[in-house]
N, C-alpha and C. Protein backbone atom coordinates (compact mmCIF):
# COMPACT_ATOMS: atom_id res chain seq x y z
N MET A 1 -31.19 -7.88 12.10
CA MET A 1 -29.42 -7.70 12.30
C MET A 1 -29.40 -6.84 13.71
N ARG A 2 -28.44 -6.69 14.21
CA ARG A 2 -28.48 -6.09 15.38
C ARG A 2 -28.04 -4.65 14.92
N ARG A 3 -28.30 -3.68 16.13
CA ARG A 3 -27.95 -1.95 15.78
C ARG A 3 -26.58 -1.68 15.25
N ARG A 4 -25.64 -2.58 16.05
CA ARG A 4 -24.34 -2.47 16.03
C ARG A 4 -23.74 -3.04 14.68
N ASP A 5 -24.37 -4.09 14.36
CA ASP A 5 -24.09 -4.96 13.01
C ASP A 5 -24.16 -4.22 11.61
N LEU A 6 -25.60 -3.42 12.31
CA LEU A 6 -26.16 -2.52 11.03
C LEU A 6 -25.15 -1.44 10.71
N ALA A 7 -24.63 -0.90 11.92
CA ALA A 7 -23.78 0.42 12.10
C ALA A 7 -22.50 0.18 10.83
N ALA A 8 -22.03 -1.20 11.15
CA ALA A 8 -20.94 -1.69 10.64
C ALA A 8 -21.26 -1.86 9.04
N SER A 9 -22.12 -2.44 8.80
CA SER A 9 -22.62 -2.84 7.47
C SER A 9 -22.83 -1.37 6.51
N ARG A 10 -23.07 -0.44 7.35
CA ARG A 10 -23.52 0.80 6.44
C ARG A 10 -22.23 1.43 6.35
N ILE A 11 -21.13 1.10 7.20
CA ILE A 11 -19.71 1.71 6.85
C ILE A 11 -19.00 1.25 5.58
N VAL A 12 -19.37 -0.16 5.38
CA VAL A 12 -19.01 -1.29 4.49
C VAL A 12 -19.80 -0.27 3.05
N GLU A 13 -20.85 -0.62 3.11
CA GLU A 13 -21.78 0.02 2.03
C GLU A 13 -21.30 1.54 1.72
N SER A 14 -21.42 2.29 2.61
CA SER A 14 -20.95 3.60 2.26
C SER A 14 -19.65 3.87 1.11
N GLY A 15 -19.80 5.29 0.65
CA GLY A 15 -18.33 5.45 -0.45
C GLY A 15 -16.94 5.17 0.53
N PHE A 16 -17.42 4.79 1.97
CA PHE A 16 -16.00 4.82 2.61
C PHE A 16 -15.13 4.03 2.59
N ALA A 17 -15.89 3.06 2.02
CA ALA A 17 -14.96 1.27 2.19
C ALA A 17 -14.44 1.29 0.72
N PHE A 18 -15.32 1.88 -0.19
CA PHE A 18 -15.16 1.57 -1.51
C PHE A 18 -13.90 2.54 -2.27
N GLY A 19 -13.50 3.57 -1.48
CA GLY A 19 -12.25 4.30 -1.60
C GLY A 19 -10.98 3.85 -1.00
N ALA A 20 -11.09 2.60 -1.03
CA ALA A 20 -10.11 2.05 -0.40
C ALA A 20 -8.76 2.31 -0.98
N ALA A 21 -8.37 2.11 -2.24
CA ALA A 21 -7.43 2.20 -3.25
C ALA A 21 -6.93 3.85 -3.28
N GLU A 22 -7.60 4.42 -3.09
CA GLU A 22 -7.30 5.80 -3.05
C GLU A 22 -6.96 6.13 -1.96
N ARG A 23 -7.45 5.64 -0.50
CA ARG A 23 -6.65 5.88 0.49
C ARG A 23 -5.29 5.34 0.72
N ARG A 24 -5.21 4.05 0.25
CA ARG A 24 -3.82 3.46 0.15
C ARG A 24 -2.71 4.24 -0.65
N GLU A 25 -3.31 5.07 -2.01
CA GLU A 25 -2.53 5.64 -2.55
C GLU A 25 -1.59 7.02 -1.51
N ARG A 26 -2.77 7.62 -1.27
CA ARG A 26 -2.42 8.81 -0.07
C ARG A 26 -1.81 9.01 0.90
N GLY A 27 -2.12 7.61 1.56
CA GLY A 27 -1.41 6.90 2.64
C GLY A 27 -2.20 7.12 4.17
N VAL A 28 -3.84 7.83 3.84
CA VAL A 28 -4.60 8.15 4.69
C VAL A 28 -4.72 6.75 5.72
N SER A 29 -4.48 6.58 6.83
CA SER A 29 -4.90 5.73 8.03
C SER A 29 -6.11 5.85 8.64
N VAL A 30 -6.98 4.76 9.34
CA VAL A 30 -7.98 4.78 9.81
C VAL A 30 -7.89 4.40 11.12
N LEU A 31 -8.11 4.51 12.14
CA LEU A 31 -7.91 4.03 13.82
C LEU A 31 -9.26 3.66 14.19
N SER A 32 -8.99 2.86 14.40
CA SER A 32 -10.47 2.13 14.67
C SER A 32 -10.50 1.17 16.10
N ILE A 33 -11.64 1.15 16.81
CA ILE A 33 -11.72 0.19 17.87
C ILE A 33 -13.10 -0.72 17.89
N PHE A 34 -12.86 -1.88 18.05
CA PHE A 34 -13.78 -3.02 18.06
C PHE A 34 -13.94 -3.69 19.84
N SER A 35 -15.14 -4.44 19.66
CA SER A 35 -15.11 -4.71 21.03
C SER A 35 -16.21 -5.99 20.90
N HIS A 36 -15.98 -6.82 22.28
CA HIS A 36 -16.71 -8.11 22.02
C HIS A 36 -18.09 -7.73 22.35
N LYS A 37 -18.18 -6.89 23.53
CA LYS A 37 -19.83 -6.69 24.09
C LYS A 37 -19.46 -5.29 24.84
N ARG A 38 -20.80 -4.99 25.26
CA ARG A 38 -20.64 -3.93 25.96
C ARG A 38 -20.01 -3.91 27.36
N ASP A 39 -19.03 -3.11 27.55
CA ASP A 39 -18.02 -2.98 28.45
C ASP A 39 -17.12 -4.46 28.50
N GLY A 40 -16.86 -5.15 27.34
CA GLY A 40 -16.23 -6.18 27.38
C GLY A 40 -14.88 -5.82 26.69
N THR A 41 -13.92 -6.94 25.92
CA THR A 41 -12.48 -6.78 25.30
C THR A 41 -12.64 -5.67 24.23
N LEU A 42 -11.76 -5.03 24.36
CA LEU A 42 -11.47 -4.14 23.20
C LEU A 42 -10.01 -4.05 22.75
N SER A 43 -10.42 -3.67 21.24
CA SER A 43 -9.01 -4.17 20.09
C SER A 43 -8.81 -2.76 19.40
N LEU A 44 -7.64 -2.15 19.73
CA LEU A 44 -7.15 -0.74 19.02
C LEU A 44 -6.71 -1.36 17.68
N GLY A 45 -7.06 -0.94 16.55
CA GLY A 45 -6.33 -0.88 15.10
C GLY A 45 -6.03 0.17 14.46
N VAL A 46 -5.09 0.06 13.66
CA VAL A 46 -4.82 1.41 12.55
C VAL A 46 -4.82 0.65 11.26
N THR A 47 -5.80 1.06 10.12
CA THR A 47 -5.42 0.49 8.83
C THR A 47 -6.17 1.18 7.70
N ARG A 48 -5.70 0.91 6.49
CA ARG A 48 -6.35 1.61 5.66
C ARG A 48 -7.52 1.40 4.62
N ASP A 49 -8.13 0.55 5.08
CA ASP A 49 -8.93 -0.40 4.85
C ASP A 49 -9.81 -0.81 5.52
N LEU A 50 -11.15 0.20 6.11
CA LEU A 50 -11.85 -0.02 7.40
C LEU A 50 -12.84 -1.14 6.97
N GLY A 51 -13.28 -1.14 5.73
CA GLY A 51 -14.16 -2.41 5.21
C GLY A 51 -13.77 -3.62 5.29
N ARG A 52 -12.23 -3.70 4.73
CA ARG A 52 -11.84 -5.14 5.11
C ARG A 52 -11.32 -5.65 6.07
N ARG A 53 -11.33 -4.82 6.92
CA ARG A 53 -10.95 -4.77 8.59
C ARG A 53 -12.19 -5.41 9.28
N VAL A 54 -13.44 -4.50 8.72
CA VAL A 54 -14.87 -4.78 9.60
C VAL A 54 -15.02 -6.34 8.80
N TRP A 55 -14.65 -6.77 7.81
CA TRP A 55 -14.98 -8.24 7.54
C TRP A 55 -14.01 -9.34 7.93
N GLU A 56 -12.91 -8.50 8.14
CA GLU A 56 -11.60 -9.44 8.98
C GLU A 56 -12.22 -10.14 10.66
N HIS A 57 -13.02 -9.11 11.17
CA HIS A 57 -13.26 -9.34 12.36
C HIS A 57 -14.69 -10.03 12.49
N LYS A 58 -15.62 -9.47 11.35
CA LYS A 58 -16.48 -10.28 11.61
C LYS A 58 -16.68 -11.31 11.15
N THR A 59 -15.92 -11.94 10.18
CA THR A 59 -15.64 -13.32 9.95
C THR A 59 -14.62 -14.09 10.68
N LYS A 60 -13.83 -13.47 11.27
CA LYS A 60 -12.29 -14.02 12.08
C LYS A 60 -11.62 -14.92 11.24
N ALA A 61 -11.49 -13.56 10.09
CA ALA A 61 -10.78 -14.15 9.00
C ALA A 61 -9.08 -14.80 9.42
N ALA A 62 -8.32 -14.01 10.35
CA ALA A 62 -7.14 -14.15 10.42
C ALA A 62 -7.02 -14.90 12.05
N PRO A 63 -6.72 -15.71 12.49
CA PRO A 63 -6.14 -16.14 13.83
C PRO A 63 -5.45 -15.59 14.51
N GLY A 64 -5.96 -15.29 15.66
CA GLY A 64 -5.36 -14.23 16.52
C GLY A 64 -6.09 -13.63 17.93
N PHE A 65 -5.95 -12.76 18.12
CA PHE A 65 -6.39 -12.14 19.39
C PHE A 65 -8.08 -11.60 19.12
N SER A 66 -8.39 -11.09 17.97
CA SER A 66 -9.52 -10.88 17.68
C SER A 66 -10.68 -12.01 17.14
N ALA A 67 -9.56 -13.11 16.87
CA ALA A 67 -10.72 -14.27 16.38
C ALA A 67 -11.16 -15.07 18.11
N ARG A 68 -10.14 -15.13 19.05
CA ARG A 68 -9.81 -16.06 19.89
C ARG A 68 -10.88 -15.22 21.07
N TYR A 69 -11.13 -13.76 21.05
CA TYR A 69 -11.90 -12.98 22.02
C TYR A 69 -13.39 -12.58 21.55
N SER A 70 -13.31 -13.23 20.16
CA SER A 70 -14.71 -12.54 19.48
C SER A 70 -15.08 -11.42 19.44
N VAL A 71 -13.55 -10.34 19.18
CA VAL A 71 -13.85 -9.00 19.21
C VAL A 71 -14.18 -8.65 17.55
N ASP A 72 -15.54 -8.35 17.35
CA ASP A 72 -16.34 -8.18 16.27
C ASP A 72 -17.00 -7.21 16.00
N ARG A 73 -17.44 -6.44 17.02
CA ARG A 73 -18.02 -4.94 17.18
C ARG A 73 -17.41 -3.69 16.78
N LEU A 74 -17.83 -3.12 15.74
CA LEU A 74 -16.95 -2.01 15.47
C LEU A 74 -17.94 -0.74 16.27
N VAL A 75 -16.90 -0.56 17.37
CA VAL A 75 -17.30 0.64 18.52
C VAL A 75 -17.11 2.20 17.53
N TRP A 76 -15.80 2.76 17.25
CA TRP A 76 -15.40 3.86 17.01
C TRP A 76 -14.71 3.78 15.86
N TYR A 77 -14.50 4.67 14.93
CA TYR A 77 -13.06 4.80 14.00
C TYR A 77 -12.99 6.25 13.72
N GLU A 78 -12.17 6.53 13.16
CA GLU A 78 -11.54 8.27 12.77
C GLU A 78 -10.77 8.39 11.76
N VAL A 79 -10.73 9.33 11.04
CA VAL A 79 -9.76 9.05 10.01
C VAL A 79 -8.75 10.04 9.97
């Protein structure tokens, strides 16, 4: 597993991803930046469930910008 993919999986495995229901109730949003590759296409987004959002980008679950440009590496996030 590549280092960046490993970092994204650790976020999902951490308590951060599993507290999504609590964050939704409180209205806590997470700003995230995904990338295609180093110095490549960027995608900026806001979500309340970062674990689900990482999964959507990795699996290209929704057709659109992130699937079209393979923007699937979590670069940065802030709560």
